[in-house]
C-alpha cells in the first residue's frame, strides 16, 4: 500500500511516498528537487506553466507583461483575488490545484499511479477559508485529503522514533519563503503546540541579497553605474539562479564561483568565499536565532528543559546558522540538524497518513450563560472531526435578540477565558423561548456554530466559524 504526504509550501512543494519495507520516495520537479510553487499564466491563451523552468525565468515572465506570475499562492487561498485572461479567470484554488496536480503527475511519470489520497501540511495559523480552498483544490487535482497536519507536528512525526522520549521539542523550520518556529510539548503520547514564532525573511530573500551584492561589485569592476533593476530580466534571472546554487554549495565548501557567459553583454566571473557570504547573511541568521530564543521564552521555559531543537528547511543548511547554534550553549546540547531538510515535512505528513493517531482538542470551549458562568461544550482531549452536536438554550428576559458568546480556556495556567465569537440571533422575544445551537469541529479543524430560535424560520439562522483553536496530535 502506498502512503503519501504532501508539503504544500510557500516557495516549494513536495510529496513523499512511504511503502512497507521500502525506502521513502520523493516527488517534486524533473531534476529531483522540490517543486517550486510558482505558476505563470499566459494572459492571452490562459495556458499555465509552472515548476523549475518558471522559477529560473521568473524575472523574464514578470517583465514580459504577457503573463500573470503567481508566487506564494498558499497565502492567497481563501481570498477573492483572481487573475483574468482572455480565455478564463484563474482563482487561487485553480493555482493550488495546478501545483498539486503537477506533484501527482510526477509520481505517475515515475511509475506509480497518480496520488489519490494524502495528508497535507498547513501552518498553525492557516485561515479557515484557506483550508477549505486547499481541500477543494486537492479534490480537483484528484487527491483526497485524509487530514491536514500542522507543519511543525509533521516535522516531529518524521523523527518520531528518535524523539518520542522527549518532553519539549523546538522545531526550527527555515525554508525558501518563511521561518516558522514551534515549541512542542509531548505528554501522554500527545503532541501539544505550545508557542509559535515566525518571519518572512528566508532563502529567497538571501538569494536576492547575494545577487544585489555581486551586481554592485561587478559594476565597480566594470566602472559602470547600472542599477540592478535596470538589468534585463534574463540577466537578473540567470544571476539569481546562480546565486541560489552558490548558497547551496557554500554549505559544504569554503569557496565557489558564480559564472555567466553574459551579464550586461559581458562575461561574469565572481568568486564567493564563505567569510564574505557570512557577512551578508549574518543579520538574517541573528534574527532567526533571536526568534528561536523568543519562542522558548514565551513558554516561560528554561533552555535546559528543551530536549531537542529540530532544525529543518532548505535555508537551515546555511553553515553560519549551524555554526552559531552549535556555539550557543543554550542550544548546542539539544541540536539535531536534518540531513534531508527540504523533504522532512512531506515525509512527516506521510507518517501521519499511515499512523493510527489523530487530532484532539487542546482547549476547553464553552458558552457564557446569563449569570456570566462558563458552560463547557467541548472538553480538552476530545477527538476532532465529530458529527454536529446540539445545545438547547432558553431566553431569560424579554428581548428580540439573543446574544451568543463563545469563549475558550487553556488547558494550562489560569482559569481566565478568551472570547472567540460573539453574535446575535433574532428571536420573537418571549420568556423561555428556545434557542438551538448546533456546533462541530470539521475535518478542516474549523469550529463551526449555527444558531436559530425554534420559533423562527431556518432562514433566520446565524452561522459562524473559528479557525484558531489549538489542537494536539495523539500519537
Protein backbone atom coordinates (compact mmCIF):
# COMPACT_ATOMS: atom_id res chain seq x y z
CA UNK A 1 0.00 0.00 0.00
CA UNK A 2 1.35 3.43 -0.99
CA UNK A 3 1.01 6.23 1.59
CA UNK A 4 1.55 9.86 0.62
CA UNK A 5 2.28 13.07 2.45
CA UNK A 6 2.36 16.48 0.77
CA UNK A 7 4.14 19.61 1.92
CA UNK A 8 2.31 22.44 0.14
CA UNK A 9 4.91 25.13 0.67
CA UNK A 10 5.12 28.89 0.22
CA UNK A 11 8.14 28.62 -2.10
CA UNK A 12 8.49 24.89 -2.80
CA UNK A 13 6.20 21.87 -2.56
CA UNK A 14 6.92 18.17 -2.45
CA UNK A 15 5.34 14.77 -1.96
CA UNK A 16 6.78 11.72 -0.22
CA UNK A 17 5.57 8.15 -0.63
CA UNK A 18 6.03 5.53 2.07
CA UNK A 19 5.52 1.83 1.49
CA UNK A 20 6.15 -1.14 3.75
CA UNK A 21 9.76 -2.39 3.64
CA UNK A 22 10.71 0.26 1.06
CA UNK A 23 12.78 3.44 1.08
CA UNK A 24 10.82 6.69 1.10
CA UNK A 25 10.38 8.09 -2.41
CA UNK A 26 10.21 11.81 -3.21
CA UNK A 27 8.23 13.57 -5.90
CA UNK A 28 8.98 17.15 -6.91
CA UNK A 29 10.44 18.61 -10.06
CA UNK A 30 12.12 16.93 -13.01
CA UNK A 31 15.66 17.26 -11.57
CA UNK A 32 14.86 15.59 -8.26
CA UNK A 33 14.33 18.72 -6.18
CA UNK A 34 11.19 20.06 -4.59
CA UNK A 35 8.67 21.62 -6.97
CA UNK A 36 8.76 25.45 -7.00
CA UNK A 37 5.32 26.78 -6.02
CA UNK A 38 5.17 29.27 -8.87
CA UNK A 39 2.85 29.41 -11.88
CA UNK A 40 2.91 31.65 -14.95
CA UNK A 41 -0.35 32.12 -16.88
CA UNK A 42 -0.41 33.47 -20.44
CA UNK A 43 -2.76 36.46 -20.40
CA UNK A 44 -3.91 35.76 -23.98
CA UNK A 45 -4.26 31.97 -24.12
CA UNK A 46 -4.83 31.21 -20.44
CA UNK A 47 -2.19 28.47 -20.65
CA UNK A 48 -0.38 27.80 -17.38
CA UNK A 49 3.16 26.57 -16.81
CA UNK A 50 4.98 26.06 -13.54
CA UNK A 51 7.85 24.49 -11.69
CA UNK A 52 11.61 24.86 -12.04
CA UNK A 53 11.53 26.36 -15.54
CA UNK A 54 9.28 29.22 -14.43
CA UNK A 55 11.25 29.73 -11.21
CA UNK A 56 14.54 30.14 -13.05
CA UNK A 57 12.96 32.54 -15.55
CA UNK A 58 10.59 34.43 -13.26
CA UNK A 59 12.05 37.86 -13.99
CA UNK A 60 11.50 37.34 -17.72
CA UNK A 61 7.92 36.24 -17.15
CA UNK A 62 7.28 39.19 -14.85
CA UNK A 63 8.81 41.82 -17.13
CA UNK A 64 7.31 40.50 -20.35
CA UNK A 65 3.85 41.79 -19.42
CA UNK A 66 2.39 38.75 -21.20
CA UNK A 67 1.96 36.59 -18.11
CA UNK A 68 0.46 36.60 -14.68
CA UNK A 69 3.17 35.22 -12.36
CA UNK A 70 1.73 33.83 -9.14
CA UNK A 71 4.05 33.08 -6.23
CA UNK A 72 3.20 32.11 -2.64
CA UNK A 73 -0.35 31.18 -3.66
CA UNK A 74 -0.68 29.35 -0.36
CA UNK A 75 -1.35 32.69 1.35
CA UNK A 76 -3.82 33.81 -1.33
CA UNK A 77 -6.14 30.85 -0.75
CA UNK A 78 -9.42 31.86 0.83
CA UNK A 79 -9.27 35.35 -0.71
CA UNK A 80 -11.17 36.92 -3.59
CA UNK A 81 -8.06 37.57 -5.68
CA UNK A 82 -8.30 36.44 -9.31
CA UNK A 83 -6.17 36.59 -12.46
CA UNK A 84 -8.05 37.46 -15.67
CA UNK A 85 -7.03 36.11 -19.07
CA UNK A 86 -8.84 36.35 -22.39
CA UNK A 87 -9.89 32.72 -22.04
CA UNK A 88 -10.83 32.40 -18.36
CA UNK A 89 -10.48 33.64 -14.80
CA UNK A 90 -7.98 31.90 -12.54
CA UNK A 91 -8.55 31.74 -8.78
CA UNK A 92 -6.06 30.81 -6.02
CA UNK A 93 -7.85 27.47 -5.82
CA UNK A 94 -7.07 26.92 -9.53
CA UNK A 95 -3.38 27.69 -8.98
CA UNK A 96 -3.12 25.40 -5.96
CA UNK A 97 -4.83 22.62 -7.91
CA UNK A 98 -2.31 23.08 -10.75
CA UNK A 99 0.63 22.67 -8.33
CA UNK A 100 -0.86 19.65 -6.56
CA UNK A 101 -1.70 18.12 -9.93
CA UNK A 102 1.92 18.56 -11.02
CA UNK A 103 3.11 16.59 -7.97
CA UNK A 104 0.59 13.85 -8.69
CA UNK A 105 1.66 13.71 -12.35
CA UNK A 106 5.29 13.48 -11.30
CA UNK A 107 4.52 10.38 -9.22
CA UNK A 108 2.69 8.86 -12.20
CA UNK A 109 5.61 9.56 -14.54
CA UNK A 110 7.96 7.73 -12.18
CA UNK A 111 5.98 4.51 -12.43
CA UNK A 112 3.27 4.98 -9.82
CA UNK A 113 -0.36 5.71 -10.10
CA UNK A 114 -1.19 9.36 -9.51
CA UNK A 115 -1.63 10.45 -5.88
CA UNK A 116 -5.16 9.53 -4.82
CA UNK A 117 -5.03 10.28 -1.09
CA UNK A 118 -2.61 12.19 1.13
CA UNK A 119 -2.13 14.13 4.35
CA UNK A 120 -1.30 17.76 3.52
CA UNK A 121 0.61 20.14 5.79
CA UNK A 122 -0.58 23.62 6.77
CA UNK A 123 0.78 26.40 9.03
CA UNK A 124 -0.69 26.66 12.52
CA UNK A 125 -2.48 29.95 11.74
CA UNK A 126 -3.76 28.95 8.29
CA UNK A 127 -7.15 30.74 7.87
CA UNK A 128 -10.35 28.64 7.78
CA UNK A 129 -11.31 29.79 4.28
CA UNK A 130 -7.82 28.90 3.03
CA UNK A 131 -8.14 25.37 4.41
CA UNK A 132 -11.46 24.88 2.62
CA UNK A 133 -9.95 26.18 -0.62
CA UNK A 134 -6.90 23.92 -0.28
CA UNK A 135 -9.06 20.84 0.26
CA UNK A 136 -11.14 21.71 -2.81
CA UNK A 137 -8.00 22.35 -4.85
CA UNK A 138 -6.70 18.91 -3.90
CA UNK A 139 -10.01 17.29 -4.84
CA UNK A 140 -9.90 18.98 -8.25
CA UNK A 141 -6.41 17.52 -8.69
CA UNK A 142 -7.84 14.07 -7.90
CA UNK A 143 -6.38 13.95 -4.37
CA UNK A 144 -8.46 13.13 -1.31
CA UNK A 145 -7.15 14.98 1.75
CA UNK A 146 -7.19 12.44 4.59
CA UNK A 147 -6.20 15.11 7.11
CA UNK A 148 -4.42 18.41 7.44
CA UNK A 149 -1.39 18.33 9.72
CA UNK A 150 0.47 21.35 11.05
CA UNK A 151 3.97 21.64 9.61
CA UNK A 152 5.73 21.51 12.97
CA UNK A 153 3.82 18.37 14.01
CA UNK A 154 4.71 16.78 10.67
CA UNK A 155 8.40 17.56 11.23
CA UNK A 156 8.19 15.96 14.68
CA UNK A 157 6.46 12.87 13.28
CA UNK A 158 9.22 12.47 10.70
CA UNK A 159 11.64 11.81 13.58
CA UNK A 160 9.18 10.21 16.00
CA UNK A 161 11.34 7.12 16.74
CA UNK A 162 14.19 9.43 17.83
CA UNK A 163 12.06 11.99 19.67
CA UNK A 164 9.21 10.18 21.38
CA UNK A 165 11.13 10.13 24.68
CA UNK A 166 11.39 13.96 24.67
CA UNK A 167 9.14 16.24 26.71
CA UNK A 168 9.83 19.56 24.93
CA UNK A 169 10.95 19.89 21.30
CA UNK A 170 11.54 23.13 19.36
CA UNK A 171 11.06 22.86 15.59
CA UNK A 172 13.09 25.42 13.61
CA UNK A 173 11.81 25.32 10.01
CA UNK A 174 13.64 27.81 7.74
CA UNK A 175 12.62 27.39 4.13
CA UNK A 176 12.60 29.48 0.99
CA UNK A 177 9.76 31.80 1.95
CA UNK A 178 9.40 31.84 5.73
CA UNK A 179 10.93 30.88 9.05
CA UNK A 180 8.48 29.02 11.29
CA UNK A 181 9.36 28.07 14.85
CA UNK A 182 7.16 25.95 17.11
CA UNK A 183 7.70 24.71 20.64
CA UNK A 184 6.03 21.34 21.19
CA UNK A 185 5.20 19.55 24.41
CA UNK A 186 4.92 15.76 24.28
CA UNK A 187 2.77 14.39 27.08
CA UNK A 188 0.73 11.18 27.41
CA UNK A 189 1.56 10.20 23.82
CA UNK A 190 0.13 13.51 22.60
CA UNK A 191 1.91 16.40 20.85
CA UNK A 192 0.82 19.88 22.01
CA UNK A 193 1.87 23.04 20.19
CA UNK A 194 2.77 25.47 22.99
CA UNK A 195 4.18 28.54 21.17
CA UNK A 196 4.99 29.75 17.66
CA UNK A 197 7.11 32.49 16.09
CA UNK A 198 7.99 33.33 12.51
CA UNK A 199 9.24 35.77 9.90
CA UNK A 200 9.09 36.18 6.12
CA UNK A 201 12.85 36.55 5.59
CA UNK A 202 14.18 33.26 4.27
CA UNK A 203 16.09 31.65 1.40
CA UNK A 204 14.56 33.68 -1.43
CA UNK A 205 15.48 36.94 0.30
CA UNK A 206 19.04 35.72 0.85
CA UNK A 207 19.38 34.82 -2.85
CA UNK A 208 18.25 38.33 -3.78
CA UNK A 209 20.68 39.93 -1.30
CA UNK A 210 23.55 37.91 -2.76
CA UNK A 211 22.54 38.85 -6.32
CA UNK A 212 22.45 42.56 -5.49
CA UNK A 213 25.81 42.40 -3.71
CA UNK A 214 27.52 40.64 -6.63
CA UNK A 215 25.90 43.05 -9.08
CA UNK A 216 27.29 46.06 -7.16
CA UNK A 217 30.82 44.66 -7.22
CA UNK A 218 30.66 43.77 -10.91
CA UNK A 219 29.57 47.32 -11.70
CA UNK A 220 32.55 48.64 -9.72
CA UNK A 221 34.91 46.34 -11.61
CA UNK A 222 33.49 47.50 -14.94
CA UNK A 223 33.36 51.13 -13.81
CA UNK A 224 29.69 51.22 -14.69
CA UNK A 225 26.70 52.59 -12.76
CA UNK A 226 23.72 50.48 -13.83
CA UNK A 227 21.01 49.69 -11.29
CA UNK A 228 20.28 46.03 -10.62
CA UNK A 229 16.63 46.66 -11.56
CA UNK A 230 17.78 48.11 -14.90
CA UNK A 231 19.46 44.88 -15.98
CA UNK A 232 17.49 42.73 -18.40
CA UNK A 233 15.10 40.15 -16.91
CA UNK A 234 17.26 37.39 -18.43
CA UNK A 235 20.36 38.70 -16.68
CA UNK A 236 18.58 39.00 -13.33
CA UNK A 237 17.09 35.50 -13.66
CA UNK A 238 20.44 33.96 -14.51
CA UNK A 239 22.26 35.73 -11.69
CA UNK A 240 19.67 34.80 -9.04
CA UNK A 241 19.68 31.17 -10.19
CA UNK A 242 23.47 31.04 -9.95
CA UNK A 243 23.36 32.73 -6.53
CA UNK A 244 20.88 30.17 -5.25
CA UNK A 245 23.25 27.40 -6.32
CA UNK A 246 26.24 29.18 -4.81
CA UNK A 247 24.39 29.48 -1.49
CA UNK A 248 23.76 25.74 -1.51
CA UNK A 249 27.39 24.94 -2.45
CA UNK A 250 28.72 27.12 0.37
CA UNK A 251 27.01 24.84 2.85
CA UNK A 252 29.74 22.31 2.01
CA UNK A 253 32.73 24.24 0.57
CA UNK A 254 34.56 27.41 1.57
CA UNK A 255 34.58 28.98 -1.87
CA UNK A 256 32.60 28.77 -5.10
CA UNK A 257 32.33 30.68 -8.36
CA UNK A 258 29.38 32.44 -9.94
CA UNK A 259 29.83 32.16 -13.72
CA UNK A 260 27.68 33.63 -16.51
CA UNK A 261 28.56 33.71 -20.20
CA UNK A 262 26.83 37.07 -20.42
CA UNK A 263 25.71 39.64 -17.86
CA UNK A 264 25.00 43.05 -19.30
CA UNK A 265 26.71 41.98 -22.52
CA UNK A 266 29.97 40.75 -20.93
CA UNK A 267 31.02 37.51 -19.20
CA UNK A 268 30.68 37.42 -15.41
CA UNK A 269 33.10 35.55 -13.15
CA UNK A 270 32.84 36.27 -9.45
CA UNK A 271 34.34 34.25 -6.63
CA UNK A 272 32.27 33.94 -3.46
CA UNK A 273 34.02 32.80 -0.29
CA UNK A 274 32.31 31.74 2.90
CA UNK A 275 33.53 34.69 5.00
CA UNK A 276 32.05 37.24 2.59
CA UNK A 277 28.81 35.28 2.29
CA UNK A 278 28.63 35.04 6.08
CA UNK A 279 28.89 38.82 6.37
CA UNK A 280 25.85 39.15 4.08
CA UNK A 281 23.66 36.65 5.89
CA UNK A 282 24.67 37.44 9.49
CA UNK A 283 21.72 39.84 10.08
CA UNK A 284 19.24 37.22 8.87
CA UNK A 285 20.84 34.41 10.87
CA UNK A 286 20.99 36.52 14.04
CA UNK A 287 17.32 37.45 13.67
CA UNK A 288 16.38 33.79 13.14
CA UNK A 289 18.18 32.75 16.35
CA UNK A 290 16.57 35.65 18.19
CA UNK A 291 13.13 34.36 17.18
CA UNK A 292 14.03 30.87 18.40
CA UNK A 293 15.00 32.41 21.73
CA UNK A 294 11.77 34.39 21.86
CA UNK A 295 9.60 31.31 21.19
CA UNK A 296 11.18 29.40 24.06
CA UNK A 297 11.00 32.36 26.43
CA UNK A 298 7.30 32.85 25.59
CA UNK A 299 6.65 29.41 27.06
CA UNK A 300 8.39 30.52 30.28
CA UNK A 301 10.72 27.56 29.91
CA UNK A 302 14.37 27.24 30.76
CA UNK A 303 16.55 26.48 27.75
CA UNK A 304 17.81 23.45 29.66
CA UNK A 305 14.40 21.75 29.55
CA UNK A 306 14.29 21.80 25.72
CA UNK A 307 15.23 18.22 24.96
CA UNK A 308 15.70 18.67 21.21
CA UNK A 309 15.91 21.52 18.71
CA UNK A 310 14.99 20.07 15.33
CA UNK A 311 16.43 22.19 12.50
CA UNK A 312 14.79 21.63 9.10
CA UNK A 313 14.05 23.51 5.86
CA UNK A 314 16.29 24.39 2.92
CA UNK A 315 17.76 27.54 4.48
CA UNK A 316 18.75 25.61 7.60
CA UNK A 317 21.71 24.29 5.57
CA UNK A 318 23.43 27.67 5.83
CA UNK A 319 26.65 26.86 7.66
CA UNK A 320 26.76 30.11 9.61
CA UNK A 321 23.41 29.24 11.19
CA UNK A 322 24.57 25.76 12.16
CA UNK A 323 27.88 27.09 13.49
CA UNK A 324 26.20 29.74 15.65
CA UNK A 325 23.69 27.26 17.04
CA UNK A 326 26.46 24.79 17.89
CA UNK A 327 28.49 27.51 19.65
CA UNK A 328 25.49 28.75 21.65
CA UNK A 329 25.44 26.92 24.99
CA UNK A 330 21.67 27.40 25.19
CA UNK A 331 21.10 25.24 22.12
CA UNK A 332 24.18 23.12 21.40
CA UNK A 333 23.36 20.10 23.57
CA UNK A 334 19.85 19.70 22.13
CA UNK A 335 20.64 20.39 18.48
CA UNK A 336 19.51 17.99 15.73
CA UNK A 337 20.10 19.15 12.15
CA UNK A 338 18.26 17.35 9.38
CA UNK A 339 20.10 15.67 6.54
CA UNK A 340 17.07 15.95 4.21
CA UNK A 341 15.89 19.39 5.26
CA UNK A 342 13.64 20.15 2.26
CA UNK A 343 11.71 16.89 2.48
CA UNK A 344 11.15 16.34 6.21
CA UNK A 345 7.72 17.99 6.41
CA UNK A 346 6.30 15.99 3.48
CA UNK A 347 7.86 12.82 4.93
CA UNK A 348 6.28 13.54 8.31
CA UNK A 349 2.90 14.10 6.66
CA UNK A 350 3.20 10.65 5.09
CA UNK A 351 3.93 9.19 8.54
CA UNK A 352 0.75 10.87 9.82
CA UNK A 353 -1.21 9.46 6.88
CA UNK A 354 -0.11 5.94 7.81
CA UNK A 355 -0.49 6.32 11.57
CA UNK A 356 -3.48 5.48 13.74
CA UNK A 357 -3.33 8.77 15.67
CA UNK A 358 -5.46 11.84 15.27
CA UNK A 359 -6.25 15.34 16.50
CA UNK A 360 -7.61 16.10 19.93
CA UNK A 361 -8.85 19.39 21.31
CA UNK A 362 -6.26 21.14 23.48
CA UNK A 363 -8.61 23.76 24.94
CA UNK A 364 -11.92 23.92 26.78
CA UNK A 365 -14.69 25.56 24.72
CA UNK A 366 -17.85 26.93 26.28
CA UNK A 367 -20.71 29.41 26.04
CA UNK A 368 -21.30 32.20 28.54
CA UNK A 369 -24.67 31.94 30.27
CA UNK A 370 -26.83 34.82 31.53
CA UNK A 371 -25.25 34.63 35.00
CA UNK A 372 -21.84 35.08 33.35
CA UNK A 373 -20.80 31.49 34.09
CA UNK A 374 -18.79 29.35 31.64
CA UNK A 375 -20.72 26.32 30.36
CA UNK A 376 -18.33 23.84 28.72
CA UNK A 377 -19.48 22.27 25.46
CA UNK A 378 -16.15 20.83 24.24
CA UNK A 379 -13.65 19.35 26.68
CA UNK A 380 -9.87 19.09 26.22
CA UNK A 381 -8.83 15.75 24.79
CA UNK A 382 -11.92 15.15 22.64
CA UNK A 383 -11.24 13.79 19.18
CA UNK A 384 -11.76 16.27 16.37
CA UNK A 385 -13.97 15.86 13.25
CA UNK A 386 -17.03 14.72 15.18
CA UNK A 387 -20.62 14.92 13.91
CA UNK A 388 -22.59 18.07 14.80
CA UNK A 389 -23.96 18.33 18.34
CA UNK A 390 -26.86 20.40 19.56
CA UNK A 391 -27.24 22.55 22.67
CA UNK A 392 -30.69 23.86 23.64
CA UNK A 393 -30.78 27.21 25.45
CA UNK A 394 -33.64 29.47 26.58
CA UNK A 395 -34.20 33.20 26.78
CA UNK A 396 -34.44 34.51 30.34
CA UNK A 397 -35.68 38.02 29.50
CA UNK A 398 -37.91 39.80 27.04
CA UNK A 399 -35.58 40.55 24.10
CA UNK A 400 -35.87 40.44 20.32
CA UNK A 401 -32.27 39.22 20.06
CA UNK A 402 -30.25 36.60 21.92
CA UNK A 403 -26.55 37.28 22.29
CA UNK A 404 -24.33 34.20 21.97
CA UNK A 405 -20.82 34.46 23.43
CA UNK A 406 -18.29 31.63 22.96
CA UNK A 407 -15.02 31.50 24.91
CA UNK A 408 -12.07 29.15 25.25
CA UNK A 409 -9.79 28.27 28.16
CA UNK A 410 -6.25 26.98 28.01
CA UNK A 411 -5.53 23.54 29.43
CA UNK A 412 -2.54 25.01 31.27
CA UNK A 413 -2.28 28.03 33.51
CA UNK A 414 -5.06 30.24 34.86
CA UNK A 415 -8.83 29.85 34.58
CA UNK A 416 -9.09 33.02 32.51
CA UNK A 417 -11.02 32.55 29.29
CA UNK A 418 -10.65 34.23 25.91
CA UNK A 419 -13.63 35.35 23.85
CA UNK A 420 -13.52 33.83 20.37
CA UNK A 421 -17.03 34.51 18.99
CA UNK A 422 -19.92 36.83 19.82
CA UNK A 423 -23.04 37.14 17.66
CA UNK A 424 -26.73 37.91 17.84
CA UNK A 425 -29.67 35.66 16.92
CA UNK A 426 -33.13 37.11 16.14
CA UNK A 427 -35.94 35.91 18.41
CA UNK A 428 -39.64 36.62 18.97
CA UNK A 429 -38.74 37.84 22.46
CA UNK A 430 -40.92 35.78 24.80
CA UNK A 431 -39.71 34.23 28.06
CA UNK A 432 -38.07 30.80 27.85
CA UNK A 433 -38.05 30.96 24.05
CA UNK A 434 -35.99 28.00 22.89
CA UNK A 435 -32.66 28.51 21.05
CA UNK A 436 -30.95 25.70 19.22
CA UNK A 437 -27.15 25.92 18.92
CA UNK A 438 -25.54 23.35 16.62
CA UNK A 439 -21.75 23.05 16.64
CA UNK A 440 -18.94 20.80 15.45
CA UNK A 441 -15.26 20.66 14.55
CA UNK A 442 -14.88 19.96 10.85
CA UNK A 443 -12.27 17.86 9.08
CA UNK A 444 -10.51 21.15 8.28
CA UNK A 445 -10.06 21.79 12.05
CA UNK A 446 -12.60 24.63 11.98
CA UNK A 447 -15.05 25.16 14.84
CA UNK A 448 -18.48 25.98 13.37
CA UNK A 449 -21.69 27.25 15.01
CA UNK A 450 -25.25 27.57 13.74
CA UNK A 451 -27.87 29.17 15.98
CA UNK A 452 -31.60 29.75 15.46
CA UNK A 453 -34.69 30.36 17.54
CA UNK A 454 -37.08 27.41 17.48
CA UNK A 455 -39.88 29.96 17.00
CA UNK A 456 -38.39 31.40 13.81
CA UNK A 457 -37.74 30.00 10.35
CA UNK A 458 -34.46 28.28 9.47
CA UNK A 459 -33.65 31.15 7.12
CA UNK A 460 -33.11 33.29 10.25
CA UNK A 461 -30.31 31.01 11.44
CA UNK A 462 -26.87 32.59 12.02
CA UNK A 463 -23.68 30.70 11.15
CA UNK A 464 -20.20 31.48 12.48
CA UNK A 465 -16.80 29.78 12.39
CA UNK A 466 -13.48 29.98 14.21
CA UNK A 467 -10.18 28.61 12.92
CA UNK A 468 -7.63 29.39 15.63
CA UNK A 469 -8.24 26.63 18.13
CA UNK A 470 -5.19 24.80 19.44
CA UNK A 471 -5.14 21.08 18.82
CA UNK A 472 -2.92 18.27 19.99
CA UNK A 473 -1.99 15.25 17.90
CA UNK A 474 -2.36 11.86 19.58
CA UNK A 475 0.47 9.52 18.62
